[in-house]
Amino acid sequence: MAAEGETKRVLEMVQADGADEGSVTFVMHDEDHTLGNSLRYMIMKNECVEFCGYTITHPSESKINFRIQTKDGTPAIETLRRGLTELCDVCQHVLNTFELTNVSEGCTSHNDTLGSDPTSVQEKALPNGEQ
C-alpha cells in the first residue's frame, strides 16, 4: 500500500533476469477482465506477437498479470503501448458512433433514453407494437 503523499503504482513491469525485452509480464493494479480481455484481443492482432495472455491471481485481488512475448525481439513495452493506443481508438470510435446515433434520433443526452435515474430503464414500445 502506498504511504501518505506517494502515488500508488498502476502498472509494474516484471522481467526475469536475463530475459529479453520481448518477454515481459506486466502487473496492472485495479483492473479486471474488462481491460484484460479487450487488450489481449487488440495485442494478439499484432503480427509480431507470439503470445499474449493474462491471469487474475485471485478473485479478491483487483489486479491482472498480463504477459506479452514477441517473435522478433520487438520490445513488449512497445507492443503494450500500441495495443493500448489501438484500444483507445476503438473505444473512441464506439463513443462517437453512439453519440452520432443519438443525435440523429433526436436524443440530446443518454438521460433521454434512460430517464433521470440511469438505473431504471424506461419501457419503450417495440415497432410492431409488442411489449
Protein backbone atom coordinates (compact mmCIF):
# COMPACT_ATOMS: atom_id res chain seq x y z
CA MET A 1 0.00 0.00 0.00
CA ALA A 2 1.30 3.49 -0.82
CA ALA A 3 2.35 5.71 2.06
CA GLU A 4 0.76 9.11 2.52
CA GLY A 5 1.90 11.51 -0.19
CA GLU A 6 3.03 8.69 -2.51
CA THR A 7 1.12 7.69 -5.60
CA LYS A 8 0.05 4.08 -5.94
CA ARG A 9 1.57 2.19 -8.84
CA VAL A 10 -0.90 1.31 -11.54
CA LEU A 11 1.46 -0.68 -13.75
CA GLU A 12 4.53 -2.73 -12.86
CA MET A 13 6.87 -4.44 -15.28
CA VAL A 14 8.21 -7.85 -14.21
CA GLN A 15 11.04 -9.29 -16.26
CA ALA A 16 13.10 -12.37 -15.42
CA ASP A 17 16.85 -11.88 -15.08
CA GLY A 18 18.50 -12.38 -18.44
CA ALA A 19 15.20 -12.34 -20.35
CA ASP A 20 14.99 -10.24 -23.48
CA GLU A 21 12.77 -7.18 -23.81
CA GLY A 22 10.30 -9.21 -25.86
CA SER A 23 9.14 -11.38 -22.94
CA VAL A 24 7.61 -9.34 -20.14
CA THR A 25 4.83 -9.69 -17.58
CA PHE A 26 3.01 -6.51 -16.63
CA VAL A 27 1.07 -6.28 -13.37
CA MET A 28 -1.93 -3.97 -13.79
CA HIS A 29 -3.46 -2.91 -10.50
CA ASP A 30 -7.17 -2.10 -10.08
CA GLU A 31 -8.05 -3.88 -13.34
CA ASP A 32 -10.09 -6.95 -14.25
CA HIS A 33 -11.36 -8.94 -17.25
CA THR A 34 -12.82 -5.80 -18.85
CA LEU A 35 -9.40 -4.43 -19.72
CA GLY A 36 -7.57 -7.75 -19.75
CA ASN A 37 -9.60 -9.49 -22.42
CA SER A 38 -10.09 -6.48 -24.72
CA LEU A 39 -6.40 -5.53 -24.54
CA ARG A 40 -5.34 -9.14 -25.12
CA TYR A 41 -7.51 -9.21 -28.25
CA MET A 42 -6.01 -5.98 -29.61
CA ILE A 43 -2.42 -7.08 -28.93
CA MET A 44 -2.92 -10.54 -30.50
CA LYS A 45 -3.84 -8.83 -33.78
CA ASN A 46 -0.22 -7.62 -33.98
CA GLU A 47 1.79 -9.93 -36.28
CA CYS A 48 4.97 -9.71 -34.19
CA VAL A 49 3.23 -11.12 -31.08
CA GLU A 50 3.90 -14.77 -30.35
CA PHE A 51 1.89 -14.95 -27.11
CA CYS A 52 -0.35 -12.63 -25.15
CA GLY A 53 -2.46 -13.64 -22.17
CA TYR A 54 -3.49 -12.59 -18.73
CA THR A 55 -4.45 -14.10 -15.40
CA ILE A 56 -6.24 -12.80 -12.37
CA THR A 57 -4.32 -14.21 -9.45
CA HIS A 58 -7.29 -14.38 -7.06
CA PRO A 59 -10.91 -13.16 -7.23
CA SER A 60 -10.39 -10.95 -4.17
CA GLU A 61 -7.42 -9.16 -5.77
CA SER A 62 -8.10 -6.43 -8.29
CA LYS A 63 -5.01 -6.89 -10.42
CA ILE A 64 -4.09 -8.81 -13.51
CA ASN A 65 -0.80 -10.34 -14.65
CA PHE A 66 -0.54 -9.55 -18.34
CA ARG A 67 2.10 -11.45 -20.35
CA ILE A 68 3.45 -10.47 -23.76
CA GLN A 69 6.03 -12.39 -25.83
CA THR A 70 7.10 -11.14 -29.24
CA LYS A 71 8.56 -13.13 -32.14
CA ASP A 72 11.22 -10.83 -33.45
CA GLY A 73 12.57 -9.21 -30.29
CA THR A 74 10.25 -6.22 -30.51
CA PRO A 75 10.13 -4.72 -27.02
CA ALA A 76 7.00 -5.88 -25.21
CA ILE A 77 6.51 -2.39 -23.77
CA GLU A 78 6.12 -1.01 -27.30
CA THR A 79 3.62 -3.75 -28.12
CA LEU A 80 1.65 -2.91 -24.97
CA ARG A 81 1.71 0.80 -25.79
CA ARG A 82 0.48 0.13 -29.34
CA GLY A 83 -2.29 -2.17 -28.06
CA LEU A 84 -3.47 0.44 -25.54
CA THR A 85 -3.48 3.14 -28.22
CA GLU A 86 -5.47 0.96 -30.63
CA LEU A 87 -7.94 0.03 -27.88
CA CYS A 88 -8.44 3.72 -27.06
CA ASP A 89 -9.06 4.40 -30.76
CA VAL A 90 -11.70 1.67 -30.91
CA CYS A 91 -13.40 2.95 -27.75
CA GLN A 92 -13.42 6.50 -29.15
CA HIS A 93 -14.97 5.25 -32.40
CA VAL A 94 -17.71 3.41 -30.48
CA LEU A 95 -18.41 6.52 -28.39
CA ASN A 96 -18.54 8.76 -31.48
CA THR A 97 -20.88 6.34 -33.26
CA PHE A 98 -23.14 6.14 -30.20
CA GLU A 99 -23.29 9.93 -29.92
CA LEU A 100 -24.00 10.34 -33.64
CA THR A 101 -26.80 7.80 -33.43
CA ASN A 102 -28.39 9.60 -30.50
CA VAL A 103 -28.16 12.98 -32.25
CA SER A 104 -29.66 11.59 -35.47
CA GLU A 105 -32.53 10.07 -33.48
CA GLY A 106 -33.19 13.36 -31.69
CA CYS A 107 -31.76 12.40 -28.30
CA THR A 108 -29.86 15.19 -26.59
CA SER A 109 -28.31 13.02 -23.89
CA HIS A 110 -28.31 9.49 -22.52
CA ASN A 111 -30.91 10.63 -19.95
CA ASP A 112 -33.50 10.91 -22.75
CA THR A 113 -33.35 7.14 -23.11
CA LEU A 114 -32.73 6.18 -19.52
CA GLY A 115 -34.77 8.83 -17.72
CA SER A 116 -33.47 10.88 -14.83
CA ASP A 117 -32.45 7.72 -12.96
CA PRO A 118 -29.95 5.79 -15.14
CA THR A 119 -30.54 2.63 -13.12
CA SER A 120 -34.16 2.38 -14.27
CA VAL A 121 -34.65 1.98 -18.00
CA GLN A 122 -37.91 3.39 -19.33
CA GLU A 123 -40.04 0.94 -21.27
CA LYS A 124 -40.42 1.67 -24.96
CA ALA A 125 -42.93 0.17 -27.34
CA LEU A 126 -41.42 -2.06 -29.96
CA PRO A 127 -42.00 -1.01 -33.61
CA ASN A 128 -44.50 -3.82 -34.23
CA GLY A 129 -46.48 -2.98 -31.07
CA GLU A 130 -45.21 -5.90 -28.95
CA GLN A 131 -44.31 -5.40 -25.31
